[in-house]
């Protein structure tokens, strides 16, 4: 009966018995998927809204003079989505850059923003 059933129902629609077959992702894809999820959590954090897009240099004209390598969560999210991070240190370097840019720029304006 199972042979007859397998002829009527296409293989990809048949119920799998035993272990669920899971496609193995390549390590870089899997790693960047984790990074993407981390950025999504940062994005949804109440303070994340300030970091989602580039700093508006019209409202903050001195920003480019203070911050040499601007970055925002959208860039980091795109990099993770494009699998541009080969390892954890490269991802963390961009996150650290984001944090340090904030500290460097806001230290020139108001110390309470960076404490």
N, C-alpha and C. Protein backbone atom coordinates (compact mmCIF):
# COMPACT_ATOMS: atom_id res chain seq x y z
N UNK A 1 0.82 -1.19 0.00
CA UNK A 1 0.00 0.00 0.00
C UNK A 1 0.87 1.27 0.00
N UNK A 2 1.96 1.25 0.75
CA UNK A 2 2.81 2.44 0.77
C UNK A 2 3.44 2.69 -0.59
N UNK A 3 3.70 1.61 -1.35
CA UNK A 3 4.26 1.78 -2.69
C UNK A 3 3.23 2.43 -3.60
N UNK A 4 1.99 2.00 -3.49
CA UNK A 4 0.92 2.59 -4.29
C UNK A 4 0.71 4.05 -3.89
N UNK A 5 0.78 4.31 -2.60
CA UNK A 5 0.61 5.67 -2.11
C UNK A 5 1.71 6.57 -2.64
N UNK A 6 2.94 6.07 -2.63
CA UNK A 6 4.06 6.89 -3.07
C UNK A 6 3.98 7.19 -4.56
N UNK A 7 3.25 6.38 -5.31
CA UNK A 7 3.09 6.66 -6.75
C UNK A 7 2.03 7.72 -6.99
N UNK A 8 1.07 7.84 -6.08
CA UNK A 8 0.01 8.83 -6.26
C UNK A 8 0.41 10.21 -5.75
N UNK A 9 1.17 10.25 -4.67
CA UNK A 9 1.57 11.52 -4.05
C UNK A 9 3.01 11.82 -4.42
N UNK A 10 3.24 13.01 -4.98
CA UNK A 10 4.63 13.36 -5.33
C UNK A 10 5.54 13.25 -4.11
N UNK A 11 6.75 12.86 -4.36
CA UNK A 11 7.72 12.60 -3.29
C UNK A 11 7.88 13.78 -2.34
N UNK A 12 7.94 15.00 -2.89
CA UNK A 12 8.17 16.16 -2.04
C UNK A 12 6.98 16.48 -1.13
N UNK A 13 5.81 15.88 -1.41
CA UNK A 13 4.64 16.11 -0.58
C UNK A 13 4.38 14.98 0.42
N UNK A 14 5.12 13.91 0.30
CA UNK A 14 4.92 12.78 1.20
C UNK A 14 5.46 13.10 2.59
N UNK A 15 4.77 12.58 3.56
CA UNK A 15 5.20 12.77 4.96
C UNK A 15 6.51 12.02 5.17
N UNK A 16 7.46 12.69 5.75
CA UNK A 16 8.75 12.06 6.03
C UNK A 16 8.62 11.23 7.31
N UNK A 17 9.14 10.05 7.28
CA UNK A 17 9.15 9.23 8.48
C UNK A 17 10.55 9.24 9.06
N UNK A 18 10.63 9.05 10.35
CA UNK A 18 11.94 9.05 10.98
C UNK A 18 12.44 10.46 11.20
N UNK A 19 13.74 10.64 11.09
CA UNK A 19 14.35 11.95 11.33
C UNK A 19 13.91 12.94 10.26
N UNK A 20 13.69 14.13 10.71
CA UNK A 20 13.36 15.21 9.78
C UNK A 20 14.61 15.58 9.01
N UNK A 21 14.49 15.62 7.72
CA UNK A 21 15.65 15.98 6.91
C UNK A 21 15.78 17.49 6.91
N UNK A 22 16.95 17.94 7.25
CA UNK A 22 17.22 19.37 7.30
C UNK A 22 18.40 19.67 6.39
N UNK A 23 18.21 20.64 5.56
CA UNK A 23 19.27 21.02 4.65
C UNK A 23 20.38 21.70 5.43
N UNK A 24 21.58 21.27 5.20
CA UNK A 24 22.75 21.83 5.88
C UNK A 24 23.16 23.12 5.18
N UNK A 25 23.21 24.21 5.94
CA UNK A 25 23.66 25.48 5.40
C UNK A 25 25.17 25.56 5.45
N UNK A 26 25.74 26.33 4.56
CA UNK A 26 27.18 26.50 4.66
C UNK A 26 27.47 27.36 5.89
N UNK A 27 28.61 27.17 6.53
CA UNK A 27 28.90 27.85 7.80
C UNK A 27 28.79 29.38 7.73
N UNK A 28 29.22 29.97 6.63
CA UNK A 28 29.16 31.43 6.51
C UNK A 28 27.70 31.90 6.46
N UNK A 29 26.86 31.17 5.75
CA UNK A 29 25.44 31.51 5.68
C UNK A 29 24.80 31.41 7.05
N UNK A 30 25.11 30.34 7.75
CA UNK A 30 24.55 30.13 9.08
C UNK A 30 25.01 31.23 10.05
N UNK A 31 26.29 31.58 10.01
CA UNK A 31 26.85 32.61 10.88
C UNK A 31 26.19 33.96 10.60
N UNK A 32 26.08 34.33 9.33
CA UNK A 32 25.49 35.61 8.98
C UNK A 32 24.00 35.65 9.30
N UNK A 33 23.36 34.51 9.30
CA UNK A 33 21.96 34.44 9.70
C UNK A 33 21.81 34.79 11.18
N UNK A 34 22.73 34.32 11.99
CA UNK A 34 22.75 34.66 13.42
C UNK A 34 23.00 36.16 13.58
N UNK A 35 23.97 36.70 12.83
CA UNK A 35 24.27 38.13 12.91
C UNK A 35 23.05 38.96 12.51
N UNK A 36 22.35 38.52 11.47
CA UNK A 36 21.15 39.22 11.01
C UNK A 36 20.11 39.26 12.13
N UNK A 37 19.94 38.15 12.83
CA UNK A 37 18.99 38.10 13.95
C UNK A 37 19.41 39.04 15.08
N UNK A 38 20.70 39.13 15.33
CA UNK A 38 21.21 40.04 16.37
C UNK A 38 20.90 41.49 15.99
N UNK A 39 21.14 41.83 14.73
CA UNK A 39 20.86 43.20 14.27
C UNK A 39 19.36 43.48 14.34
N UNK A 40 18.55 42.50 14.00
CA UNK A 40 17.09 42.68 14.10
C UNK A 40 16.68 43.00 15.54
N UNK A 41 17.29 42.33 16.50
CA UNK A 41 16.99 42.60 17.92
C UNK A 41 17.43 44.01 18.29
N UNK A 42 18.60 44.43 17.80
CA UNK A 42 19.08 45.79 18.06
C UNK A 42 18.13 46.81 17.41
N UNK A 43 17.67 46.49 16.22
CA UNK A 43 16.77 47.35 15.46
C UNK A 43 15.47 47.59 16.23
N UNK A 44 14.96 46.54 16.87
CA UNK A 44 13.68 46.61 17.58
C UNK A 44 13.80 47.21 18.98
N UNK A 45 15.02 47.34 19.49
CA UNK A 45 15.22 47.91 20.82
C UNK A 45 14.76 49.37 20.80
N UNK A 46 14.19 49.86 21.91
CA UNK A 46 13.72 51.25 21.93
C UNK A 46 14.78 52.28 21.53
N UNK A 47 16.04 52.05 21.87
CA UNK A 47 17.09 52.99 21.48
C UNK A 47 17.60 52.74 20.06
N UNK A 48 17.20 51.65 19.48
CA UNK A 48 17.69 51.28 18.15
C UNK A 48 17.29 52.24 17.05
N UNK A 49 16.19 52.95 17.24
CA UNK A 49 15.71 53.84 16.18
C UNK A 49 16.75 54.90 15.81
N UNK A 50 17.55 55.32 16.77
CA UNK A 50 18.59 56.33 16.50
C UNK A 50 19.71 55.80 15.63
N UNK A 51 19.80 54.48 15.51
CA UNK A 51 20.92 53.87 14.79
C UNK A 51 20.49 53.17 13.50
N UNK A 52 19.21 53.25 13.16
CA UNK A 52 18.70 52.52 12.00
C UNK A 52 19.15 53.11 10.67
N UNK A 53 19.33 54.39 10.61
CA UNK A 53 19.67 55.08 9.36
C UNK A 53 20.90 55.97 9.57
N UNK A 54 21.51 56.43 8.49
CA UNK A 54 22.67 57.33 8.64
C UNK A 54 22.29 58.61 9.38
N UNK A 55 23.26 59.20 10.04
CA UNK A 55 23.05 60.47 10.73
C UNK A 55 22.77 61.53 9.69
N UNK A 56 21.78 62.36 9.96
CA UNK A 56 21.42 63.45 9.05
C UNK A 56 22.46 64.56 9.19
N UNK A 57 23.30 64.69 8.18
CA UNK A 57 24.39 65.67 8.25
C UNK A 57 23.91 67.10 8.03
N UNK A 58 22.68 67.27 7.53
CA UNK A 58 22.13 68.63 7.44
C UNK A 58 21.78 69.15 8.84
N UNK A 59 21.26 68.27 9.66
CA UNK A 59 20.93 68.65 11.05
C UNK A 59 22.16 68.61 11.95
N UNK A 60 23.16 67.83 11.56
CA UNK A 60 24.39 67.66 12.35
C UNK A 60 25.59 67.89 11.44
N UNK A 61 25.83 69.14 11.04
CA UNK A 61 26.87 69.42 10.04
C UNK A 61 28.29 69.04 10.45
N UNK A 62 28.57 68.97 11.73
CA UNK A 62 29.93 68.63 12.17
C UNK A 62 30.18 67.12 12.21
N UNK A 63 29.16 66.32 11.96
CA UNK A 63 29.28 64.87 12.10
C UNK A 63 30.41 64.29 11.26
N UNK A 64 30.49 64.67 10.00
CA UNK A 64 31.50 64.10 9.10
C UNK A 64 32.92 64.54 9.47
N UNK A 65 33.05 65.66 10.13
CA UNK A 65 34.38 66.11 10.57
C UNK A 65 34.86 65.28 11.76
N UNK A 66 33.93 64.78 12.55
CA UNK A 66 34.28 64.01 13.76
C UNK A 66 34.31 62.52 13.48
N UNK A 67 33.35 62.04 12.70
CA UNK A 67 33.22 60.61 12.41
C UNK A 67 33.72 60.33 11.00
N UNK A 68 34.84 59.63 10.91
CA UNK A 68 35.47 59.35 9.62
C UNK A 68 34.84 58.18 8.87
N UNK A 69 34.36 57.18 9.62
CA UNK A 69 33.78 55.98 9.00
C UNK A 69 32.36 55.75 9.54
N UNK A 70 31.39 56.47 8.98
CA UNK A 70 30.03 56.31 9.50
C UNK A 70 29.46 54.92 9.17
N UNK A 71 28.62 54.44 10.05
CA UNK A 71 27.94 53.16 9.85
C UNK A 71 26.63 53.22 10.62
N UNK A 72 25.66 52.47 10.17
CA UNK A 72 24.37 52.40 10.86
C UNK A 72 23.87 50.95 10.84
N UNK A 73 22.80 50.69 11.57
CA UNK A 73 22.28 49.32 11.64
C UNK A 73 21.82 48.81 10.29
N UNK A 74 21.34 49.69 9.44
CA UNK A 74 20.90 49.26 8.12
C UNK A 74 22.07 48.70 7.31
N UNK A 75 23.22 49.34 7.38
CA UNK A 75 24.42 48.84 6.68
C UNK A 75 24.83 47.49 7.25
N UNK A 76 24.84 47.38 8.57
CA UNK A 76 25.24 46.11 9.20
C UNK A 76 24.25 45.00 8.82
N UNK A 77 22.96 45.35 8.80
CA UNK A 77 21.93 44.36 8.42
C UNK A 77 22.12 43.93 6.96
N UNK A 78 22.40 44.87 6.08
CA UNK A 78 22.64 44.53 4.67
C UNK A 78 23.88 43.65 4.53
N UNK A 79 24.92 43.96 5.28
CA UNK A 79 26.14 43.14 5.23
C UNK A 79 25.87 41.71 5.69
N UNK A 80 25.11 41.57 6.76
CA UNK A 80 24.77 40.22 7.25
C UNK A 80 23.89 39.50 6.23
N UNK A 81 22.94 40.21 5.66
CA UNK A 81 22.06 39.61 4.65
C UNK A 81 22.79 39.20 3.39
N UNK A 82 23.89 39.89 3.10
CA UNK A 82 24.71 39.58 1.92
C UNK A 82 25.87 38.65 2.25
N UNK A 83 25.90 38.18 3.48
CA UNK A 83 26.94 37.26 3.96
C UNK A 83 28.35 37.84 3.82
N UNK A 84 28.49 39.12 4.13
CA UNK A 84 29.80 39.78 4.01
C UNK A 84 30.70 39.57 5.21
N UNK A 85 30.15 39.04 6.30
CA UNK A 85 30.96 38.82 7.49
C UNK A 85 31.51 37.40 7.48
N UNK A 86 32.83 37.25 7.35
CA UNK A 86 33.41 35.91 7.32
C UNK A 86 33.50 35.26 8.70
N UNK A 87 33.44 36.12 9.75
CA UNK A 87 33.61 35.60 11.11
C UNK A 87 33.03 36.58 12.13
N UNK A 88 33.00 36.14 13.37
CA UNK A 88 32.45 36.95 14.46
C UNK A 88 33.22 38.25 14.67
N UNK A 89 34.57 38.23 14.66
CA UNK A 89 35.30 39.49 14.87
C UNK A 89 34.97 40.58 13.85
N UNK A 90 34.73 40.21 12.60
CA UNK A 90 34.42 41.23 11.60
C UNK A 90 33.04 41.85 11.85
N UNK A 91 32.10 41.04 12.29
CA UNK A 91 30.77 41.56 12.65
C UNK A 91 30.88 42.48 13.86
N UNK A 92 31.59 42.02 14.89
CA UNK A 92 31.74 42.82 16.10
C UNK A 92 32.50 44.12 15.84
N UNK A 93 33.40 44.11 14.87
CA UNK A 93 34.13 45.34 14.52
C UNK A 93 33.16 46.41 14.02
N UNK A 94 32.18 46.00 13.22
CA UNK A 94 31.19 46.97 12.74
C UNK A 94 30.28 47.44 13.87
N UNK A 95 29.89 46.55 14.76
CA UNK A 95 29.06 46.94 15.91
C UNK A 95 29.85 47.90 16.80
N UNK A 96 31.12 47.60 17.05
CA UNK A 96 31.97 48.49 17.84
C UNK A 96 32.13 49.85 17.17
N UNK A 97 32.28 49.85 15.84
CA UNK A 97 32.39 51.10 15.10
C UNK A 97 31.13 51.95 15.30
N UNK A 98 29.98 51.33 15.24
CA UNK A 98 28.71 52.03 15.46
C UNK A 98 28.69 52.67 16.85
N UNK A 99 29.07 51.91 17.86
CA UNK A 99 29.07 52.40 19.24
C UNK A 99 30.10 53.51 19.43
N UNK A 100 31.30 53.29 18.91
CA UNK A 100 32.37 54.30 19.07
C UNK A 100 32.06 55.58 18.31
N UNK A 101 31.43 55.48 17.14
CA UNK A 101 31.02 56.68 16.41
C UNK A 101 30.05 57.50 17.25
N UNK A 102 29.12 56.82 17.88
CA UNK A 102 28.14 57.49 18.74
C UNK A 102 28.85 58.19 19.90
N UNK A 103 29.74 57.47 20.54
CA UNK A 103 30.47 58.05 21.68
C UNK A 103 31.32 59.23 21.24
N UNK A 104 32.05 59.07 20.14
CA UNK A 104 32.94 60.14 19.67
C UNK A 104 32.16 61.40 19.32
N UNK A 105 31.08 61.25 18.59
CA UNK A 105 30.32 62.42 18.17
C UNK A 105 29.61 63.08 19.34
N UNK A 106 28.96 62.28 20.16
CA UNK A 106 28.19 62.84 21.27
C UNK A 106 29.07 63.36 22.40
N UNK A 107 30.29 62.88 22.49
CA UNK A 107 31.22 63.40 23.51
C UNK A 107 31.54 64.86 23.25
N UNK A 108 31.47 65.29 22.00
CA UNK A 108 31.74 66.69 21.66
C UNK A 108 30.54 67.57 21.95
N UNK A 109 29.40 66.95 22.19
CA UNK A 109 28.16 67.72 22.37
C UNK A 109 27.67 67.69 23.81
N UNK A 110 27.46 66.49 24.35
CA UNK A 110 26.85 66.38 25.67
C UNK A 110 27.31 65.08 26.32
N UNK A 111 28.08 65.18 27.38
CA UNK A 111 28.64 64.00 28.04
C UNK A 111 27.55 63.07 28.60
N UNK A 112 26.39 63.60 28.95
CA UNK A 112 25.34 62.75 29.52
C UNK A 112 24.81 61.75 28.49
N UNK A 113 24.97 62.05 27.21
CA UNK A 113 24.48 61.14 26.17
C UNK A 113 25.31 59.87 26.06
N UNK A 114 26.56 59.94 26.47
CA UNK A 114 27.46 58.79 26.30
C UNK A 114 27.84 58.10 27.60
N UNK A 115 27.27 58.53 28.70
CA UNK A 115 27.62 57.87 29.96
C UNK A 115 26.76 56.67 30.22
